[in-house]
N, C-alpha and C. Protein backbone atom coordinates (compact mmCIF):
# COMPACT_ATOMS: atom_id res chain seq x y z
N MET A 1 -45.18 -46.10 -89.18
CA MET A 1 -44.74 -45.24 -90.27
C MET A 1 -43.22 -45.33 -90.41
N ILE A 2 -42.76 -45.27 -91.62
CA ILE A 2 -41.31 -45.25 -91.87
C ILE A 2 -40.80 -43.85 -91.57
N SER A 3 -39.69 -43.77 -90.84
CA SER A 3 -39.17 -42.46 -90.46
C SER A 3 -37.90 -42.06 -91.19
N LYS A 4 -37.12 -43.05 -91.70
CA LYS A 4 -35.91 -42.72 -92.44
C LYS A 4 -35.35 -43.97 -93.10
N LEU A 5 -34.43 -43.79 -94.00
CA LEU A 5 -33.72 -44.90 -94.63
C LEU A 5 -32.50 -45.20 -93.78
N GLY A 6 -32.44 -46.38 -93.20
CA GLY A 6 -31.35 -46.71 -92.28
C GLY A 6 -30.13 -47.32 -92.95
N GLN A 7 -30.35 -48.31 -93.82
CA GLN A 7 -29.23 -49.00 -94.45
C GLN A 7 -29.56 -49.32 -95.89
N VAL A 8 -28.51 -49.35 -96.71
CA VAL A 8 -28.62 -49.77 -98.10
C VAL A 8 -27.74 -51.01 -98.25
N MET A 9 -28.29 -52.06 -98.82
CA MET A 9 -27.53 -53.28 -99.04
C MET A 9 -26.83 -53.19 -100.40
N LEU A 10 -25.52 -53.34 -100.38
CA LEU A 10 -24.73 -53.31 -101.61
C LEU A 10 -24.08 -54.68 -101.74
N TYR A 11 -24.47 -55.43 -102.76
CA TYR A 11 -23.97 -56.78 -102.97
C TYR A 11 -22.75 -56.74 -103.88
N VAL A 12 -21.64 -57.27 -103.39
CA VAL A 12 -20.36 -57.17 -104.11
C VAL A 12 -19.75 -58.56 -104.31
N ASN A 13 -18.89 -58.65 -105.30
CA ASN A 13 -18.20 -59.91 -105.59
C ASN A 13 -17.03 -60.15 -104.66
N ASP A 14 -16.37 -59.09 -104.22
CA ASP A 14 -15.18 -59.21 -103.39
C ASP A 14 -15.30 -58.20 -102.24
N GLN A 15 -15.71 -58.69 -101.07
CA GLN A 15 -15.92 -57.79 -99.93
C GLN A 15 -14.65 -57.06 -99.51
N ASP A 16 -13.53 -57.75 -99.48
CA ASP A 16 -12.29 -57.10 -99.05
C ASP A 16 -11.91 -55.96 -99.99
N ALA A 17 -12.05 -56.17 -101.30
CA ALA A 17 -11.75 -55.12 -102.26
C ALA A 17 -12.77 -53.98 -102.13
N ALA A 18 -14.03 -54.32 -101.86
CA ALA A 18 -15.06 -53.29 -101.68
C ALA A 18 -14.77 -52.44 -100.45
N VAL A 19 -14.39 -53.08 -99.36
CA VAL A 19 -14.04 -52.33 -98.15
C VAL A 19 -12.86 -51.41 -98.44
N SER A 20 -11.86 -51.93 -99.11
CA SER A 20 -10.69 -51.12 -99.46
C SER A 20 -11.09 -49.91 -100.31
N PHE A 21 -11.93 -50.12 -101.31
CA PHE A 21 -12.38 -49.02 -102.16
C PHE A 21 -13.09 -47.95 -101.33
N TRP A 22 -14.11 -48.36 -100.57
CA TRP A 22 -14.93 -47.40 -99.86
C TRP A 22 -14.18 -46.71 -98.72
N VAL A 23 -13.30 -47.44 -98.03
CA VAL A 23 -12.58 -46.85 -96.90
C VAL A 23 -11.34 -46.08 -97.38
N ASP A 24 -10.50 -46.72 -98.17
CA ASP A 24 -9.23 -46.11 -98.57
C ASP A 24 -9.38 -45.03 -99.64
N LYS A 25 -10.33 -45.22 -100.55
CA LYS A 25 -10.44 -44.26 -101.65
C LYS A 25 -11.50 -43.19 -101.44
N THR A 26 -12.67 -43.57 -100.93
CA THR A 26 -13.73 -42.57 -100.80
C THR A 26 -13.78 -41.93 -99.42
N GLY A 27 -13.08 -42.52 -98.44
CA GLY A 27 -13.03 -41.93 -97.12
C GLY A 27 -14.12 -42.37 -96.16
N PHE A 28 -14.90 -43.38 -96.54
CA PHE A 28 -15.91 -43.91 -95.63
C PHE A 28 -15.21 -44.59 -94.45
N SER A 29 -15.94 -44.83 -93.38
CA SER A 29 -15.42 -45.53 -92.21
C SER A 29 -16.20 -46.81 -91.99
N ILE A 30 -15.54 -47.78 -91.40
CA ILE A 30 -16.23 -49.01 -91.02
C ILE A 30 -16.96 -48.72 -89.71
N ILE A 31 -18.26 -48.95 -89.71
CA ILE A 31 -19.10 -48.71 -88.54
C ILE A 31 -19.23 -50.01 -87.73
N ASP A 32 -19.34 -51.15 -88.44
CA ASP A 32 -19.51 -52.43 -87.78
C ASP A 32 -19.15 -53.54 -88.75
N GLU A 33 -18.72 -54.65 -88.21
CA GLU A 33 -18.47 -55.85 -88.99
C GLU A 33 -19.01 -57.03 -88.21
N ALA A 34 -19.55 -58.01 -88.91
CA ALA A 34 -20.04 -59.20 -88.23
C ALA A 34 -19.98 -60.39 -89.18
N GLN A 35 -19.96 -61.56 -88.60
CA GLN A 35 -19.98 -62.79 -89.38
C GLN A 35 -20.82 -63.79 -88.60
N ASN A 36 -21.81 -64.37 -89.27
CA ASN A 36 -22.65 -65.34 -88.58
C ASN A 36 -22.08 -66.75 -88.73
N PRO A 37 -22.65 -67.70 -88.03
CA PRO A 37 -22.11 -69.07 -88.07
C PRO A 37 -22.12 -69.70 -89.46
N ASP A 38 -22.97 -69.22 -90.35
CA ASP A 38 -23.03 -69.75 -91.71
C ASP A 38 -21.96 -69.15 -92.61
N GLU A 39 -21.00 -68.45 -92.00
CA GLU A 39 -19.90 -67.82 -92.72
C GLU A 39 -20.33 -66.63 -93.56
N MET A 40 -21.54 -66.11 -93.33
CA MET A 40 -21.96 -64.91 -94.04
C MET A 40 -21.43 -63.70 -93.28
N LYS A 41 -20.61 -62.93 -93.95
CA LYS A 41 -19.99 -61.75 -93.35
C LYS A 41 -20.62 -60.50 -93.94
N TRP A 42 -20.77 -59.48 -93.11
CA TRP A 42 -21.20 -58.19 -93.63
C TRP A 42 -20.39 -57.09 -92.97
N VAL A 43 -20.21 -56.03 -93.73
CA VAL A 43 -19.44 -54.89 -93.25
C VAL A 43 -20.30 -53.65 -93.45
N GLU A 44 -20.50 -52.90 -92.37
CA GLU A 44 -21.28 -51.67 -92.43
C GLU A 44 -20.34 -50.49 -92.53
N ILE A 45 -20.55 -49.66 -93.54
CA ILE A 45 -19.72 -48.48 -93.77
C ILE A 45 -20.61 -47.25 -93.87
N ALA A 46 -20.02 -46.10 -93.62
CA ALA A 46 -20.75 -44.83 -93.73
C ALA A 46 -19.75 -43.70 -93.93
N PRO A 47 -20.21 -42.57 -94.50
CA PRO A 47 -19.29 -41.45 -94.72
C PRO A 47 -18.83 -40.81 -93.41
N THR A 48 -19.67 -40.89 -92.36
CA THR A 48 -19.31 -40.37 -91.04
C THR A 48 -19.91 -41.31 -89.99
N SER A 49 -19.36 -41.29 -88.80
CA SER A 49 -19.86 -42.18 -87.75
C SER A 49 -21.28 -41.84 -87.31
N ASP A 50 -21.72 -40.61 -87.56
CA ASP A 50 -23.07 -40.22 -87.16
C ASP A 50 -24.04 -40.11 -88.34
N ALA A 51 -23.68 -40.70 -89.48
CA ALA A 51 -24.54 -40.66 -90.66
C ALA A 51 -25.86 -41.38 -90.36
N GLU A 52 -26.95 -40.86 -90.88
CA GLU A 52 -28.25 -41.49 -90.66
C GLU A 52 -28.44 -42.74 -91.49
N THR A 53 -27.73 -42.84 -92.61
CA THR A 53 -27.84 -43.99 -93.49
C THR A 53 -26.47 -44.60 -93.68
N SER A 54 -26.39 -45.92 -93.64
CA SER A 54 -25.13 -46.61 -93.87
C SER A 54 -25.30 -47.60 -95.01
N ILE A 55 -24.17 -48.12 -95.49
CA ILE A 55 -24.15 -49.12 -96.54
C ILE A 55 -23.65 -50.42 -95.93
N ILE A 56 -24.34 -51.51 -96.21
CA ILE A 56 -23.89 -52.82 -95.77
C ILE A 56 -23.33 -53.54 -96.99
N LEU A 57 -22.06 -53.90 -96.92
CA LEU A 57 -21.41 -54.64 -98.01
C LEU A 57 -21.62 -56.13 -97.77
N HIS A 58 -22.35 -56.76 -98.67
CA HIS A 58 -22.65 -58.19 -98.58
C HIS A 58 -21.99 -58.93 -99.74
N ASP A 59 -21.58 -60.15 -99.50
CA ASP A 59 -21.04 -61.01 -100.55
C ASP A 59 -22.18 -61.53 -101.43
N LYS A 60 -22.12 -61.25 -102.73
CA LYS A 60 -23.18 -61.63 -103.66
C LYS A 60 -23.45 -63.13 -103.64
N LYS A 61 -22.39 -63.93 -103.68
CA LYS A 61 -22.57 -65.38 -103.75
C LYS A 61 -23.25 -65.91 -102.50
N ALA A 62 -22.86 -65.42 -101.34
CA ALA A 62 -23.46 -65.88 -100.09
C ALA A 62 -24.93 -65.50 -100.02
N VAL A 63 -25.27 -64.29 -100.44
CA VAL A 63 -26.67 -63.85 -100.41
C VAL A 63 -27.49 -64.66 -101.41
N ALA A 64 -26.94 -64.90 -102.61
CA ALA A 64 -27.65 -65.68 -103.63
C ALA A 64 -27.91 -67.10 -103.14
N LYS A 65 -26.98 -67.64 -102.41
CA LYS A 65 -27.13 -69.01 -101.88
C LYS A 65 -28.23 -69.05 -100.82
N MET A 66 -28.24 -68.06 -99.92
CA MET A 66 -29.22 -68.03 -98.84
C MET A 66 -30.60 -67.57 -99.30
N SER A 67 -30.62 -66.64 -100.24
CA SER A 67 -31.89 -66.05 -100.70
C SER A 67 -31.87 -65.89 -102.21
N PRO A 68 -32.12 -66.99 -102.93
CA PRO A 68 -32.00 -66.95 -104.40
C PRO A 68 -32.90 -65.93 -105.11
N ASP A 69 -33.96 -65.49 -104.45
CA ASP A 69 -34.89 -64.54 -105.09
C ASP A 69 -34.53 -63.07 -104.88
N VAL A 70 -33.48 -62.80 -104.11
CA VAL A 70 -33.08 -61.41 -103.85
C VAL A 70 -32.48 -60.80 -105.12
N ASN A 71 -32.89 -59.58 -105.42
CA ASN A 71 -32.32 -58.85 -106.55
C ASN A 71 -30.92 -58.38 -106.13
N LEU A 72 -29.89 -58.88 -106.80
CA LEU A 72 -28.51 -58.56 -106.44
C LEU A 72 -27.95 -57.38 -107.23
N GLY A 73 -28.81 -56.68 -107.95
CA GLY A 73 -28.36 -55.53 -108.73
C GLY A 73 -27.88 -54.39 -107.84
N THR A 74 -27.08 -53.52 -108.43
CA THR A 74 -26.53 -52.38 -107.69
C THR A 74 -27.58 -51.28 -107.57
N PRO A 75 -27.85 -50.80 -106.36
CA PRO A 75 -28.79 -49.69 -106.22
C PRO A 75 -28.20 -48.40 -106.80
N SER A 76 -29.07 -47.53 -107.27
CA SER A 76 -28.63 -46.25 -107.78
C SER A 76 -28.55 -45.29 -106.60
N LEU A 77 -27.33 -44.97 -106.18
CA LEU A 77 -27.12 -44.14 -104.99
C LEU A 77 -26.65 -42.74 -105.38
N MET A 78 -27.24 -41.73 -104.75
CA MET A 78 -26.84 -40.35 -104.94
C MET A 78 -26.32 -39.85 -103.59
N PHE A 79 -25.03 -39.51 -103.57
CA PHE A 79 -24.42 -38.96 -102.37
C PHE A 79 -24.42 -37.44 -102.50
N PHE A 80 -24.31 -36.72 -101.37
CA PHE A 80 -24.23 -35.27 -101.37
C PHE A 80 -22.89 -34.81 -100.82
N THR A 81 -22.43 -33.65 -101.29
CA THR A 81 -21.19 -33.05 -100.80
C THR A 81 -21.36 -31.54 -100.72
N ASP A 82 -20.55 -30.94 -99.88
CA ASP A 82 -20.52 -29.49 -99.78
C ASP A 82 -19.47 -28.87 -100.69
N ASP A 83 -18.54 -29.70 -101.20
CA ASP A 83 -17.44 -29.20 -102.03
C ASP A 83 -17.17 -30.18 -103.16
N LEU A 84 -17.97 -30.08 -104.21
CA LEU A 84 -17.89 -31.00 -105.34
C LEU A 84 -16.53 -30.95 -106.02
N ASP A 85 -15.99 -29.76 -106.23
CA ASP A 85 -14.71 -29.64 -106.94
C ASP A 85 -13.58 -30.34 -106.19
N ARG A 86 -13.53 -30.14 -104.89
CA ARG A 86 -12.48 -30.77 -104.08
C ARG A 86 -12.63 -32.29 -104.08
N LEU A 87 -13.86 -32.78 -103.93
CA LEU A 87 -14.10 -34.22 -103.95
C LEU A 87 -13.75 -34.82 -105.31
N TYR A 88 -14.12 -34.13 -106.38
CA TYR A 88 -13.82 -34.58 -107.74
C TYR A 88 -12.31 -34.72 -107.93
N GLU A 89 -11.57 -33.72 -107.52
CA GLU A 89 -10.10 -33.76 -107.63
C GLU A 89 -9.52 -34.86 -106.76
N ASN A 90 -10.07 -35.03 -105.57
CA ASN A 90 -9.62 -36.09 -104.66
C ASN A 90 -9.84 -37.47 -105.28
N PHE A 91 -11.01 -37.70 -105.85
CA PHE A 91 -11.30 -38.98 -106.49
C PHE A 91 -10.36 -39.21 -107.68
N GLN A 92 -10.13 -38.19 -108.48
CA GLN A 92 -9.21 -38.33 -109.60
C GLN A 92 -7.80 -38.68 -109.11
N ALA A 93 -7.34 -38.02 -108.07
CA ALA A 93 -6.01 -38.28 -107.52
C ALA A 93 -5.88 -39.71 -107.00
N LYS A 94 -6.99 -40.27 -106.53
CA LYS A 94 -6.99 -41.65 -106.03
C LYS A 94 -7.33 -42.66 -107.12
N GLN A 95 -7.34 -42.19 -108.35
CA GLN A 95 -7.58 -43.01 -109.54
C GLN A 95 -8.94 -43.70 -109.52
N ILE A 96 -9.93 -43.00 -109.00
CA ILE A 96 -11.31 -43.47 -109.10
C ILE A 96 -11.85 -42.99 -110.44
N THR A 97 -12.52 -43.86 -111.17
CA THR A 97 -13.11 -43.47 -112.45
C THR A 97 -14.26 -42.51 -112.19
N VAL A 98 -14.16 -41.32 -112.76
CA VAL A 98 -15.20 -40.29 -112.60
C VAL A 98 -15.68 -39.83 -113.96
N GLY A 99 -16.95 -39.43 -114.01
CA GLY A 99 -17.50 -38.83 -115.22
C GLY A 99 -17.33 -37.33 -115.16
N GLU A 100 -17.82 -36.67 -116.16
CA GLU A 100 -17.74 -35.21 -116.20
C GLU A 100 -18.69 -34.59 -115.18
N VAL A 101 -18.34 -33.41 -114.71
CA VAL A 101 -19.23 -32.66 -113.83
C VAL A 101 -20.32 -32.06 -114.71
N VAL A 102 -21.57 -32.27 -114.32
CA VAL A 102 -22.73 -31.82 -115.08
C VAL A 102 -23.57 -30.92 -114.17
N THR A 103 -24.11 -29.86 -114.73
CA THR A 103 -24.97 -28.96 -113.97
C THR A 103 -26.43 -29.29 -114.26
N LEU A 104 -27.16 -29.62 -113.20
CA LEU A 104 -28.58 -29.91 -113.28
C LEU A 104 -29.33 -28.82 -112.52
N PRO A 105 -30.65 -28.73 -112.68
CA PRO A 105 -31.39 -27.72 -111.91
C PRO A 105 -31.21 -27.86 -110.40
N GLN A 106 -30.98 -29.10 -109.91
CA GLN A 106 -30.82 -29.33 -108.48
C GLN A 106 -29.41 -29.04 -107.99
N GLY A 107 -28.44 -28.96 -108.90
CA GLY A 107 -27.05 -28.73 -108.52
C GLY A 107 -26.09 -29.44 -109.46
N ARG A 108 -24.80 -29.30 -109.17
CA ARG A 108 -23.78 -29.95 -109.99
C ARG A 108 -23.59 -31.38 -109.51
N VAL A 109 -23.28 -32.28 -110.44
CA VAL A 109 -23.20 -33.70 -110.13
C VAL A 109 -22.14 -34.38 -111.00
N PHE A 110 -21.54 -35.43 -110.48
CA PHE A 110 -20.70 -36.30 -111.30
C PHE A 110 -20.89 -37.74 -110.87
N ASN A 111 -20.65 -38.65 -111.80
CA ASN A 111 -20.72 -40.08 -111.52
C ASN A 111 -19.33 -40.59 -111.21
N PHE A 112 -19.26 -41.68 -110.45
CA PHE A 112 -18.00 -42.39 -110.23
C PHE A 112 -18.30 -43.87 -110.14
N SER A 113 -17.28 -44.68 -110.35
CA SER A 113 -17.48 -46.12 -110.26
C SER A 113 -16.51 -46.75 -109.28
N ASP A 114 -16.96 -47.86 -108.70
CA ASP A 114 -16.10 -48.60 -107.79
C ASP A 114 -15.24 -49.59 -108.58
N HIS A 115 -14.53 -50.43 -107.87
CA HIS A 115 -13.62 -51.40 -108.48
C HIS A 115 -14.36 -52.47 -109.29
N GLU A 116 -15.67 -52.64 -109.08
CA GLU A 116 -16.48 -53.62 -109.81
C GLU A 116 -17.28 -52.96 -110.92
N GLU A 117 -16.99 -51.70 -111.20
CA GLU A 117 -17.65 -50.91 -112.24
C GLU A 117 -19.13 -50.65 -111.96
N ASN A 118 -19.47 -50.57 -110.68
CA ASN A 118 -20.80 -50.12 -110.28
C ASN A 118 -20.75 -48.60 -110.22
N TYR A 119 -21.75 -47.94 -110.78
CA TYR A 119 -21.74 -46.49 -110.85
C TYR A 119 -22.63 -45.86 -109.79
N PHE A 120 -22.13 -44.76 -109.24
CA PHE A 120 -22.82 -43.98 -108.22
C PHE A 120 -22.69 -42.51 -108.62
N ALA A 121 -23.38 -41.63 -107.92
CA ALA A 121 -23.31 -40.20 -108.23
C ALA A 121 -23.12 -39.39 -106.96
N VAL A 122 -22.55 -38.19 -107.15
CA VAL A 122 -22.36 -37.23 -106.06
C VAL A 122 -22.89 -35.89 -106.52
N MET A 123 -23.66 -35.24 -105.66
CA MET A 123 -24.24 -33.94 -106.03
C MET A 123 -23.90 -32.89 -104.99
N GLU A 124 -23.57 -31.72 -105.50
CA GLU A 124 -23.42 -30.53 -104.66
C GLU A 124 -24.70 -29.75 -104.84
N GLN A 125 -25.50 -29.70 -103.82
CA GLN A 125 -26.79 -29.05 -103.94
C GLN A 125 -26.66 -27.55 -103.96
N ASN A 126 -27.54 -26.90 -104.74
CA ASN A 126 -27.60 -25.44 -104.75
C ASN A 126 -28.04 -24.96 -103.38
N LYS A 127 -27.43 -23.90 -102.93
CA LYS A 127 -27.75 -23.39 -101.59
C LYS A 127 -28.70 -22.22 -101.67
């Protein structure tokens, strides 16, 4: 039986720029980095060192070369926060493109995009 979601693969055009975006702008940490003999490098990032789910940043071209049938599209990711207003202001101050804050039945949410214009969302859940 599946017990949890461990990792999400995020395929990017520029791994160094992706690491910079996620670490320097959003506050994620590098959990692990590795490179195999075929020159395929991956970087594991997460919002905290004890997060149950992490993101693996993979180079799109390298993955396409090794596995041409893999869907390289961006997954639709929803992150959670305890302080949406503070995070929203922090992202704006770091010049991250953000959408408007919207109130849904599940809580308030806003979208943001990375340096490659991939969109993600953050939700503050109702307590």
